[in-house]
Amino acid sequence: MPAGIGGSLVALNVVLAICVSLLAITGIARTYAGKGRPSEKSGSSSWLDFILLPYTATGIAMLLVVLLLYLRKAVSGSQRFLRRPEGQLRLESPARPSAGGMHGERGRPIGLGKP
């Protein structure tokens, strides 16, 4: 694939993402913002609302994902206080006797010398 094609595909993807986002915003605005005012012709815009319906659902899904990610970060951020600080040293656990009796008092095998 030539080098110029990769750059144009990225630009095409960006333009496509911007267009879908704008259609989603338009669909959400037409669905929820216009409920308070009476419409002049209720039947004339039904085809446009029908066309914007998938984009409206996409926009609502994107907003829910952003909200869920924010809530997950907020919840995991509150649990950060319950965790042990990273710089704190761990205390060594006391030596446990082994079943075979071939380990010394610190749990190392006997006869291998100092590590």
C-alpha atoms as a PDB file:
ATOM      1  CA  MET A   1       0.000   0.000   0.000  1.00  0.00           C
ATOM      2  CA  PRO A   2       1.493   3.406  -0.917  1.00  0.00           C
ATOM      3  CA  ALA A   3       2.312   5.815   1.887  1.00  0.00           C
ATOM      4  CA  GLY A   4      -0.259   8.404   0.817  1.00  0.00           C
ATOM      5  CA  ILE A   5      -3.224   6.028   1.069  1.00  0.00           C
ATOM      6  CA  GLY A   6      -2.782   5.437   4.806  1.00  0.00           C
ATOM      7  CA  GLY A   7      -2.924   9.149   5.570  1.00  0.00           C
ATOM      8  CA  SER A   8      -6.012   9.677   3.442  1.00  0.00           C
ATOM      9  CA  LEU A   9      -7.780   6.776   5.182  1.00  0.00           C
ATOM     10  CA  VAL A  10      -7.101   8.348   8.559  1.00  0.00           C
ATOM     11  CA  ALA A  11      -8.462  11.671   7.329  1.00  0.00           C
ATOM     12  CA  LEU A  12     -11.526   9.912   5.914  1.00  0.00           C
ATOM     13  CA  ASN A  13     -12.130   8.172   9.250  1.00  0.00           C
ATOM     14  CA  VAL A  14     -11.884  11.482  11.105  1.00  0.00           C
ATOM     15  CA  VAL A  15     -14.347  13.169   8.745  1.00  0.00           C
ATOM     16  CA  LEU A  16     -16.729  10.211   9.021  1.00  0.00           C
ATOM     17  CA  ALA A  17     -16.530  10.267  12.839  1.00  0.00           C
ATOM     18  CA  ILE A  18     -17.267  14.009  12.908  1.00  0.00           C
ATOM     19  CA  CYS A  19     -20.280  13.582  10.598  1.00  0.00           C
ATOM     20  CA  VAL A  20     -21.726  10.713  12.661  1.00  0.00           C
ATOM     21  CA  SER A  21     -21.211  12.719  15.866  1.00  0.00           C
ATOM     22  CA  LEU A  22     -22.985  15.735  14.393  1.00  0.00           C
ATOM     23  CA  LEU A  23     -25.880  13.562  13.209  1.00  0.00           C
ATOM     24  CA  ALA A  24     -26.112  12.027  16.697  1.00  0.00           C
ATOM     25  CA  ILE A  25     -26.189  15.465  18.327  1.00  0.00           C
ATOM     26  CA  THR A  26     -28.841  16.620  15.844  1.00  0.00           C
ATOM     27  CA  GLY A  27     -30.965  13.531  16.506  1.00  0.00           C
ATOM     28  CA  ILE A  28     -30.748  13.949  20.286  1.00  0.00           C
ATOM     29  CA  ALA A  29     -31.579  17.649  20.008  1.00  0.00           C
ATOM     30  CA  ARG A  30     -34.589  17.004  17.772  1.00  0.00           C
ATOM     31  CA  THR A  31     -35.818  14.199  19.997  1.00  0.00           C
ATOM     32  CA  TYR A  32     -35.503  15.840  23.408  1.00  0.00           C
ATOM     33  CA  ALA A  33     -35.162  19.612  22.925  1.00  0.00           C
ATOM     34  CA  GLY A  34     -38.278  20.186  20.830  1.00  0.00           C
ATOM     35  CA  LYS A  35     -40.810  18.609  23.208  1.00  0.00           C
ATOM     36  CA  GLY A  36     -41.846  21.865  24.890  1.00  0.00           C
ATOM     37  CA  ARG A  37     -42.893  23.866  21.851  1.00  0.00           C
ATOM     38  CA  PRO A  38     -45.742  23.012  19.506  1.00  0.00           C
ATOM     39  CA  SER A  39     -44.685  21.993  16.021  1.00  0.00           C
ATOM     40  CA  GLU A  40     -46.169  23.644  12.942  1.00  0.00           C
ATOM     41  CA  LYS A  41     -46.508  20.468  10.874  1.00  0.00           C
ATOM     42  CA  SER A  42     -46.196  17.312  12.892  1.00  0.00           C
ATOM     43  CA  GLY A  43     -46.120  14.953   9.883  1.00  0.00           C
ATOM     44  CA  SER A  44     -43.506  16.771   7.801  1.00  0.00           C
ATOM     45  CA  SER A  45     -40.520  16.025  10.012  1.00  0.00           C
ATOM     46  CA  SER A  46     -41.376  12.415  10.793  1.00  0.00           C
ATOM     47  CA  TRP A  47     -39.187  11.122   7.953  1.00  0.00           C
ATOM     48  CA  LEU A  48     -36.234  13.114   9.265  1.00  0.00           C
ATOM     49  CA  ASP A  49     -36.778  11.789  12.769  1.00  0.00           C
ATOM     50  CA  PHE A  50     -36.938   8.275  11.346  1.00  0.00           C
ATOM     51  CA  ILE A  51     -33.638   8.760   9.493  1.00  0.00           C
ATOM     52  CA  LEU A  52     -31.971  10.241  12.591  1.00  0.00           C
ATOM     53  CA  LEU A  53     -33.198   7.457  14.893  1.00  0.00           C
ATOM     54  CA  PRO A  54     -30.072   5.215  14.595  1.00  0.00           C
ATOM     55  CA  TYR A  55     -27.817   8.230  15.102  1.00  0.00           C
ATOM     56  CA  THR A  56     -29.848   9.263  18.138  1.00  0.00           C
ATOM     57  CA  ALA A  57     -29.427   5.789  19.617  1.00  0.00           C
ATOM     58  CA  THR A  58     -25.687   5.939  18.870  1.00  0.00           C
ATOM     59  CA  GLY A  59     -25.403   9.327  20.574  1.00  0.00           C
ATOM     60  CA  ILE A  60     -27.265   8.114  23.662  1.00  0.00           C
ATOM     61  CA  ALA A  61     -25.028   5.024  23.801  1.00  0.00           C
ATOM     62  CA  MET A  62     -21.908   7.207  23.586  1.00  0.00           C
ATOM     63  CA  LEU A  63     -23.158   9.409  26.414  1.00  0.00           C
ATOM     64  CA  LEU A  64     -23.919   6.364  28.574  1.00  0.00           C
ATOM     65  CA  VAL A  65     -20.445   4.917  27.968  1.00  0.00           C
ATOM     66  CA  VAL A  66     -18.812   8.207  28.973  1.00  0.00           C
ATOM     67  CA  LEU A  67     -20.996   8.343  32.093  1.00  0.00           C
ATOM     68  CA  LEU A  68     -20.176   4.746  33.043  1.00  0.00           C
ATOM     69  CA  LEU A  69     -16.439   5.333  32.563  1.00  0.00           C
ATOM     70  CA  TYR A  70     -16.633   8.440  34.752  1.00  0.00           C
ATOM     71  CA  LEU A  71     -18.503   6.539  37.467  1.00  0.00           C
ATOM     72  CA  ARG A  72     -15.995   3.668  37.317  1.00  0.00           C
ATOM     73  CA  LYS A  73     -13.124   6.097  37.711  1.00  0.00           C
ATOM     74  CA  ALA A  74     -14.870   7.849  40.607  1.00  0.00           C
ATOM     75  CA  VAL A  75     -15.515   4.558  42.406  1.00  0.00           C
ATOM     76  CA  SER A  76     -11.997   3.217  41.869  1.00  0.00           C
ATOM     77  CA  GLY A  77     -10.603   6.576  42.981  1.00  0.00           C
ATOM     78  CA  SER A  78     -12.423   6.286  46.317  1.00  0.00           C
ATOM     79  CA  GLN A  79     -10.970   2.806  46.857  1.00  0.00           C
ATOM     80  CA  ARG A  80      -7.488   4.214  46.402  1.00  0.00           C
ATOM     81  CA  PHE A  81      -7.589   5.454  50.009  1.00  0.00           C
ATOM     82  CA  LEU A  82      -8.194   1.927  51.265  1.00  0.00           C
ATOM     83  CA  ARG A  83      -5.117   0.522  49.565  1.00  0.00           C
ATOM     84  CA  ARG A  84      -1.659   0.374  51.059  1.00  0.00           C
ATOM     85  CA  PRO A  85       0.682   3.134  49.852  1.00  0.00           C
ATOM     86  CA  GLU A  86       3.095   1.945  47.192  1.00  0.00           C
ATOM     87  CA  GLY A  87       6.211   2.997  49.110  1.00  0.00           C
ATOM     88  CA  GLN A  88       5.303   1.134  52.290  1.00  0.00           C
ATOM     89  CA  LEU A  89       7.522  -1.875  53.017  1.00  0.00           C
ATOM     90  CA  ARG A  90       5.933  -5.254  53.508  1.00  0.00           C
ATOM     91  CA  LEU A  91       6.709  -7.114  56.678  1.00  0.00           C
ATOM     92  CA  GLU A  92       8.060 -10.594  56.229  1.00  0.00           C
ATOM     93  CA  SER A  93       5.723 -13.348  57.252  1.00  0.00           C
ATOM     94  CA  PRO A  94       6.913 -15.562  60.090  1.00  0.00           C
ATOM     95  CA  ALA A  95       8.630 -18.769  59.065  1.00  0.00           C
ATOM     96  CA  ARG A  96       6.297 -21.719  58.758  1.00  0.00           C
ATOM     97  CA  PRO A  97       7.500 -25.231  59.411  1.00  0.00           C
ATOM     98  CA  SER A  98       7.523 -27.303  56.271  1.00  0.00           C
ATOM     99  CA  ALA A  99       5.961 -30.695  55.968  1.00  0.00           C
ATOM    100  CA  GLY A 100       9.234 -32.425  55.073  1.00  0.00           C
ATOM    101  CA  GLY A 101      11.434 -30.647  57.599  1.00  0.00           C
ATOM    102  CA  MET A 102      14.038 -29.831  54.941  1.00  0.00           C
ATOM    103  CA  HIS A 103      13.753 -26.064  55.297  1.00  0.00           C
ATOM    104  CA  GLY A 104      15.446 -23.775  57.741  1.00  0.00           C
ATOM    105  CA  GLU A 105      13.883 -21.119  59.905  1.00  0.00           C
ATOM    106  CA  ARG A 106      13.431 -18.585  57.055  1.00  0.00           C
ATOM    107  CA  GLY A 107      11.897 -21.079  54.642  1.00  0.00           C
ATOM    108  CA  ARG A 108      15.072 -21.640  52.586  1.00  0.00           C
ATOM    109  CA  PRO A 109      16.252 -25.168  51.821  1.00  0.00           C
ATOM    110  CA  ILE A 110      18.916 -26.381  54.198  1.00  0.00           C
ATOM    111  CA  GLY A 111      22.437 -26.759  52.875  1.00  0.00           C
ATOM    112  CA  LEU A 112      22.356 -24.253  49.995  1.00  0.00           C
ATOM    113  CA  GLY A 113      24.188 -21.533  51.901  1.00  0.00           C
ATOM    114  CA  LYS A 114      23.369 -17.851  52.010  1.00  0.00           C
ATOM    115  CA  PRO A 115      21.614 -16.360  49.014  1.00  0.00           C
END
